[in-house]
Amino acid sequence: MSDFWNNIVRYPRFFISSMLGLIVVILSTFKSLFNIKQFGYLFPILLILLSVLLFKILTIMTGL
């Protein structure tokens, strides 16, 4: 039975490491875009717009 609980305890650690790996892989693709001057200015603007859009969608969905 202790082996069962050891496996259950490992799942959150696996989930966190998987999510961090996914974030690193996604961000590494954008790293080459920062070398291009136009994308270097465009990326922060798109990131801010995406954040505002996500915030608006969540506030409308929750009714706040």
PDB file of N, CA and C in Angstrom:
ATOM      1  N   MET A   1       0.824  -1.205   0.000  1.00  0.00           N
ATOM      2  CA  MET A   1       0.000   0.000   0.000  1.00  0.00           C
ATOM      3  C   MET A   1       0.862   1.260   0.000  1.00  0.00           C
ATOM      4  N   SER A   2       2.039   1.196   0.622  1.00  0.00           N
ATOM      5  CA  SER A   2       2.912   2.372   0.635  1.00  0.00           C
ATOM      6  C   SER A   2       3.435   2.680  -0.766  1.00  0.00           C
ATOM      7  N   ASP A   3       3.583   1.635  -1.585  1.00  0.00           N
ATOM      8  CA  ASP A   3       4.011   1.853  -2.961  1.00  0.00           C
ATOM      9  C   ASP A   3       2.967   2.655  -3.726  1.00  0.00           C
ATOM     10  N   PHE A   4       1.700   2.409  -3.440  1.00  0.00           N
ATOM     11  CA  PHE A   4       0.613   3.169  -4.063  1.00  0.00           C
ATOM     12  C   PHE A   4       0.725   4.650  -3.713  1.00  0.00           C
ATOM     13  N   TRP A   5       0.934   4.962  -2.434  1.00  0.00           N
ATOM     14  CA  TRP A   5       1.006   6.359  -2.013  1.00  0.00           C
ATOM     15  C   TRP A   5       2.274   7.030  -2.531  1.00  0.00           C
ATOM     16  N   ASN A   6       3.346   6.283  -2.674  1.00  0.00           N
ATOM     17  CA  ASN A   6       4.559   6.853  -3.271  1.00  0.00           C
ATOM     18  C   ASN A   6       4.309   7.265  -4.717  1.00  0.00           C
ATOM     19  N   ASN A   7       3.557   6.445  -5.443  1.00  0.00           N
ATOM     20  CA  ASN A   7       3.224   6.804  -6.825  1.00  0.00           C
ATOM     21  C   ASN A   7       2.296   8.014  -6.878  1.00  0.00           C
ATOM     22  N   ILE A   8       1.358   8.101  -5.962  1.00  0.00           N
ATOM     23  CA  ILE A   8       0.429   9.239  -5.934  1.00  0.00           C
ATOM     24  C   ILE A   8       1.180  10.530  -5.630  1.00  0.00           C
ATOM     25  N   VAL A   9       2.164  10.475  -4.755  1.00  0.00           N
ATOM     26  CA  VAL A   9       2.950  11.653  -4.402  1.00  0.00           C
ATOM     27  C   VAL A   9       3.808  12.108  -5.587  1.00  0.00           C
ATOM     28  N   ARG A  10       4.189  11.205  -6.458  1.00  0.00           N
ATOM     29  CA  ARG A  10       5.040  11.553  -7.595  1.00  0.00           C
ATOM     30  C   ARG A  10       4.282  12.301  -8.693  1.00  0.00           C
ATOM     31  N   TYR A  11       2.983  12.141  -8.791  1.00  0.00           N
ATOM     32  CA  TYR A  11       2.235  12.766  -9.872  1.00  0.00           C
ATOM     33  C   TYR A  11       2.320  14.291  -9.895  1.00  0.00           C
ATOM     34  N   PRO A  12       2.183  15.019  -8.781  1.00  0.00           N
ATOM     35  CA  PRO A  12       2.327  16.482  -8.853  1.00  0.00           C
ATOM     36  C   PRO A  12       3.712  16.916  -9.326  1.00  0.00           C
ATOM     37  N   ARG A  13       4.748  16.223  -8.892  1.00  0.00           N
ATOM     38  CA  ARG A  13       6.102  16.558  -9.326  1.00  0.00           C
ATOM     39  C   ARG A  13       6.259  16.317 -10.828  1.00  0.00           C
ATOM     40  N   PHE A  14       5.682  15.234 -11.328  1.00  0.00           N
ATOM     41  CA  PHE A  14       5.720  14.954 -12.766  1.00  0.00           C
ATOM     42  C   PHE A  14       4.955  16.016 -13.533  1.00  0.00           C
ATOM     43  N   PHE A  15       3.804  16.436 -13.017  1.00  0.00           N
ATOM     44  CA  PHE A  15       2.993  17.454 -13.682  1.00  0.00           C
ATOM     45  C   PHE A  15       3.740  18.780 -13.761  1.00  0.00           C
ATOM     46  N   ILE A  16       4.363  19.187 -12.655  1.00  0.00           N
ATOM     47  CA  ILE A  16       5.099  20.456 -12.634  1.00  0.00           C
ATOM     48  C   ILE A  16       6.287  20.409 -13.588  1.00  0.00           C
ATOM     49  N   SER A  17       7.020  19.319 -13.584  1.00  0.00           N
ATOM     50  CA  SER A  17       8.175  19.234 -14.480  1.00  0.00           C
ATOM     51  C   SER A  17       7.729  19.171 -15.939  1.00  0.00           C
ATOM     52  N   SER A  18       6.602  18.543 -16.219  1.00  0.00           N
ATOM     53  CA  SER A  18       6.088  18.506 -17.590  1.00  0.00           C
ATOM     54  C   SER A  18       5.665  19.889 -18.055  1.00  0.00           C
ATOM     55  N   MET A  19       4.996  20.634 -17.196  1.00  0.00           N
ATOM     56  CA  MET A  19       4.557  21.982 -17.563  1.00  0.00           C
ATOM     57  C   MET A  19       5.754  22.916 -17.768  1.00  0.00           C
ATOM     58  N   LEU A  20       6.754  22.805 -16.906  1.00  0.00           N
ATOM     59  CA  LEU A  20       7.948  23.636 -17.087  1.00  0.00           C
ATOM     60  C   LEU A  20       8.678  23.289 -18.384  1.00  0.00           C
ATOM     61  N   GLY A  21       8.752  22.011 -18.711  1.00  0.00           N
ATOM     62  CA  GLY A  21       9.365  21.604 -19.963  1.00  0.00           C
ATOM     63  C   GLY A  21       8.598  22.123 -21.165  1.00  0.00           C
ATOM     64  N   LEU A  22       7.279  22.097 -21.088  1.00  0.00           N
ATOM     65  CA  LEU A  22       6.455  22.611 -22.174  1.00  0.00           C
ATOM     66  C   LEU A  22       6.663  24.102 -22.365  1.00  0.00           C
ATOM     67  N   ILE A  23       6.742  24.840 -21.269  1.00  0.00           N
ATOM     68  CA  ILE A  23       6.961  26.287 -21.350  1.00  0.00           C
ATOM     69  C   ILE A  23       8.328  26.586 -21.960  1.00  0.00           C
ATOM     70  N   VAL A  24       9.350  25.830 -21.564  1.00  0.00           N
ATOM     71  CA  VAL A  24      10.687  26.050 -22.111  1.00  0.00           C
ATOM     72  C   VAL A  24      10.712  25.767 -23.609  1.00  0.00           C
ATOM     73  N   VAL A  25      10.052  24.716 -24.047  1.00  0.00           N
ATOM     74  CA  VAL A  25      10.032  24.378 -25.469  1.00  0.00           C
ATOM     75  C   VAL A  25       9.296  25.451 -26.261  1.00  0.00           C
ATOM     76  N   ILE A  26       8.172  25.928 -25.742  1.00  0.00           N
ATOM     77  CA  ILE A  26       7.402  26.953 -26.442  1.00  0.00           C
ATOM     78  C   ILE A  26       8.185  28.257 -26.518  1.00  0.00           C
ATOM     79  N   LEU A  27       8.805  28.664 -25.417  1.00  0.00           N
ATOM     80  CA  LEU A  27       9.549  29.923 -25.419  1.00  0.00           C
ATOM     81  C   LEU A  27      10.827  29.841 -26.248  1.00  0.00           C
ATOM     82  N   SER A  28      11.411  28.676 -26.378  1.00  0.00           N
ATOM     83  CA  SER A  28      12.634  28.567 -27.169  1.00  0.00           C
ATOM     84  C   SER A  28      12.368  28.801 -28.648  1.00  0.00           C
ATOM     85  N   THR A  29      11.153  28.533 -29.106  1.00  0.00           N
ATOM     86  CA  THR A  29      10.835  28.812 -30.502  1.00  0.00           C
ATOM     87  C   THR A  29      10.751  30.313 -30.760  1.00  0.00           C
ATOM     88  N   PHE A  30      10.344  31.070 -29.762  1.00  0.00           N
ATOM     89  CA  PHE A  30      10.259  32.517 -29.917  1.00  0.00           C
ATOM     90  C   PHE A  30      11.607  33.212 -29.756  1.00  0.00           C
ATOM     91  N   LYS A  31      12.587  32.498 -29.257  1.00  0.00           N
ATOM     92  CA  LYS A  31      13.906  33.093 -29.033  1.00  0.00           C
ATOM     93  C   LYS A  31      14.534  33.581 -30.334  1.00  0.00           C
ATOM     94  N   SER A  32      14.364  32.831 -31.403  1.00  0.00           N
ATOM     95  CA  SER A  32      14.941  33.244 -32.686  1.00  0.00           C
ATOM     96  C   SER A  32      14.218  34.462 -33.252  1.00  0.00           C
ATOM     97  N   LEU A  33      12.952  34.661 -32.874  1.00  0.00           N
ATOM     98  CA  LEU A  33      12.217  35.823 -33.381  1.00  0.00           C
ATOM     99  C   LEU A  33      12.723  37.129 -32.776  1.00  0.00           C
ATOM    100  N   PHE A  34      13.332  37.069 -31.602  1.00  0.00           N
ATOM    101  CA  PHE A  34      13.836  38.293 -30.975  1.00  0.00           C
ATOM    102  C   PHE A  34      15.050  38.851 -31.714  1.00  0.00           C
ATOM    103  N   ASN A  35      15.697  38.041 -32.526  1.00  0.00           N
ATOM    104  CA  ASN A  35      16.833  38.530 -33.301  1.00  0.00           C
ATOM    105  C   ASN A  35      16.393  39.441 -34.438  1.00  0.00           C
ATOM    106  N   ILE A  36      15.137  39.300 -34.874  1.00  0.00           N
ATOM    107  CA  ILE A  36      14.586  40.155 -35.920  1.00  0.00           C
ATOM    108  C   ILE A  36      14.004  41.390 -35.241  1.00  0.00           C
ATOM    109  N   LYS A  37      14.399  42.551 -35.685  1.00  0.00           N
ATOM    110  CA  LYS A  37      14.058  43.790 -34.994  1.00  0.00           C
ATOM    111  C   LYS A  37      12.545  44.045 -34.947  1.00  0.00           C
ATOM    112  N   GLN A  38      11.831  43.782 -36.030  1.00  0.00           N
ATOM    113  CA  GLN A  38      10.396  44.045 -36.058  1.00  0.00           C
ATOM    114  C   GLN A  38       9.646  43.159 -35.064  1.00  0.00           C
ATOM    115  N   PHE A  39      10.033  41.901 -34.971  1.00  0.00           N
ATOM    116  CA  PHE A  39       9.373  41.000 -34.035  1.00  0.00           C
ATOM    117  C   PHE A  39       9.730  41.319 -32.585  1.00  0.00           C
ATOM    118  N   GLY A  40      10.889  41.900 -32.378  1.00  0.00           N
ATOM    119  CA  GLY A  40      11.285  42.296 -31.026  1.00  0.00           C
ATOM    120  C   GLY A  40      10.361  43.352 -30.450  1.00  0.00           C
ATOM    121  N   TYR A  41       9.827  44.221 -31.302  1.00  0.00           N
ATOM    122  CA  TYR A  41       8.867  45.227 -30.851  1.00  0.00           C
ATOM    123  C   TYR A  41       7.450  44.680 -30.813  1.00  0.00           C
ATOM    124  N   LEU A  42       7.155  43.767 -31.701  1.00  0.00           N
ATOM    125  CA  LEU A  42       5.795  43.260 -31.828  1.00  0.00           C
ATOM    126  C   LEU A  42       5.439  42.261 -30.737  1.00  0.00           C
ATOM    127  N   PHE A  43       6.389  41.450 -30.296  1.00  0.00           N
ATOM    128  CA  PHE A  43       6.097  40.397 -29.327  1.00  0.00           C
ATOM    129  C   PHE A  43       5.583  40.919 -27.991  1.00  0.00           C
ATOM    130  N   PRO A  44       6.191  41.940 -27.363  1.00  0.00           N
ATOM    131  CA  PRO A  44       5.631  42.429 -26.092  1.00  0.00           C
ATOM    132  C   PRO A  44       4.220  43.007 -26.260  1.00  0.00           C
ATOM    133  N   ILE A  45       3.967  43.643 -27.390  1.00  0.00           N
ATOM    134  CA  ILE A  45       2.638  44.197 -27.623  1.00  0.00           C
ATOM    135  C   ILE A  45       1.616  43.068 -27.740  1.00  0.00           C
ATOM    136  N   LEU A  46       1.964  42.014 -28.468  1.00  0.00           N
ATOM    137  CA  LEU A  46       1.053  40.876 -28.596  1.00  0.00           C
ATOM    138  C   LEU A  46       0.843  40.164 -27.266  1.00  0.00           C
ATOM    139  N   LEU A  47       1.881  40.090 -26.458  1.00  0.00           N
ATOM    140  CA  LEU A  47       1.770  39.465 -25.150  1.00  0.00           C
ATOM    141  C   LEU A  47       0.833  40.253 -24.243  1.00  0.00           C
ATOM    142  N   ILE A  48       0.925  41.565 -24.271  1.00  0.00           N
ATOM    143  CA  ILE A  48       0.037  42.407 -23.471  1.00  0.00           C
ATOM    144  C   ILE A  48      -1.398  42.287 -23.963  1.00  0.00           C
ATOM    145  N   LEU A  49      -1.585  42.302 -25.275  1.00  0.00           N
ATOM    146  CA  LEU A  49      -2.935  42.164 -25.821  1.00  0.00           C
ATOM    147  C   LEU A  49      -3.546  40.812 -25.481  1.00  0.00           C
ATOM    148  N   LEU A  50      -2.759  39.759 -25.537  1.00  0.00           N
ATOM    149  CA  LEU A  50      -3.247  38.436 -25.175  1.00  0.00           C
ATOM    150  C   LEU A  50      -3.633  38.377 -23.702  1.00  0.00           C
ATOM    151  N   SER A  51      -2.835  38.997 -22.844  1.00  0.00           N
ATOM    152  CA  SER A  51      -3.141  39.016 -21.411  1.00  0.00           C
ATOM    153  C   SER A  51      -4.434  39.779 -21.138  1.00  0.00           C
ATOM    154  N   VAL A  52      -4.617  40.913 -21.785  1.00  0.00           N
ATOM    155  CA  VAL A  52      -5.840  41.702 -21.598  1.00  0.00           C
ATOM    156  C   VAL A  52      -7.047  40.920 -22.111  1.00  0.00           C
ATOM    157  N   LEU A  53      -6.912  40.273 -23.244  1.00  0.00           N
ATOM    158  CA  LEU A  53      -8.001  39.487 -23.795  1.00  0.00           C
ATOM    159  C   LEU A  53      -8.376  38.336 -22.872  1.00  0.00           C
ATOM    160  N   LEU A  54      -7.391  37.637 -22.355  1.00  0.00           N
ATOM    161  CA  LEU A  54      -7.651  36.542 -21.419  1.00  0.00           C
ATOM    162  C   LEU A  54      -8.326  37.053 -20.154  1.00  0.00           C
ATOM    163  N   PHE A  55      -7.883  38.192 -19.637  1.00  0.00           N
ATOM    164  CA  PHE A  55      -8.494  38.777 -18.450  1.00  0.00           C
ATOM    165  C   PHE A  55      -9.950  39.133 -18.708  1.00  0.00           C
ATOM    166  N   LYS A  56     -10.224  39.754 -19.856  1.00  0.00           N
ATOM    167  CA  LYS A  56     -11.598  40.122 -20.195  1.00  0.00           C
ATOM    168  C   LYS A  56     -12.493  38.898 -20.339  1.00  0.00           C
ATOM    169  N   ILE A  57     -12.008  37.882 -21.003  1.00  0.00           N
ATOM    170  CA  ILE A  57     -12.803  36.669 -21.185  1.00  0.00           C
ATOM    171  C   ILE A  57     -13.125  36.027 -19.842  1.00  0.00           C
ATOM    172  N   LEU A  58     -12.132  35.954 -18.950  1.00  0.00           N
ATOM    173  CA  LEU A  58     -12.362  35.334 -17.645  1.00  0.00           C
ATOM    174  C   LEU A  58     -13.310  36.155 -16.780  1.00  0.00           C
ATOM    175  N   THR A  59     -13.218  37.483 -16.841  1.00  0.00           N
ATOM    176  CA  THR A  59     -14.141  38.291 -16.041  1.00  0.00           C
ATOM    177  C   THR A  59     -15.560  38.203 -16.583  1.00  0.00           C
ATOM    178  N   ILE A  60     -15.720  38.103 -17.890  1.00  0.00           N
ATOM    179  CA  ILE A  60     -17.065  37.936 -18.448  1.00  0.00           C
ATOM    180  C   ILE A  60     -17.613  36.551 -18.109  1.00  0.00           C
ATOM    181  N   MET A  61     -16.772  35.535 -18.151  1.00  0.00           N
ATOM    182  CA  MET A  61     -17.230  34.187 -17.852  1.00  0.00           C
ATOM    183  C   MET A  61     -17.632  34.029 -16.394  1.00  0.00           C
ATOM    184  N   THR A  62     -16.914  34.673 -15.491  1.00  0.00           N
ATOM    185  CA  THR A  62     -17.224  34.543 -14.059  1.00  0.00           C
ATOM    186  C   THR A  62     -18.272  35.542 -13.609  1.00  0.00           C
ATOM    187  N   GLY A  63     -18.577  36.535 -14.416  1.00  0.00           N
ATOM    188  CA  GLY A  63     -19.624  37.491 -14.062  1.00  0.00           C
ATOM    189  C   GLY A  63     -19.186  38.521 -13.039  1.00  0.00           C
ATOM    190  N   LEU A  64     -17.906  38.802 -12.944  1.00  0.00           N
ATOM    191  CA  LEU A  64     -17.414  39.794 -11.991  1.00  0.00           C
ATOM    192  C   LEU A  64     -17.497  41.188 -12.550  1.00  0.00           C
TER     193      LEU A  64
END
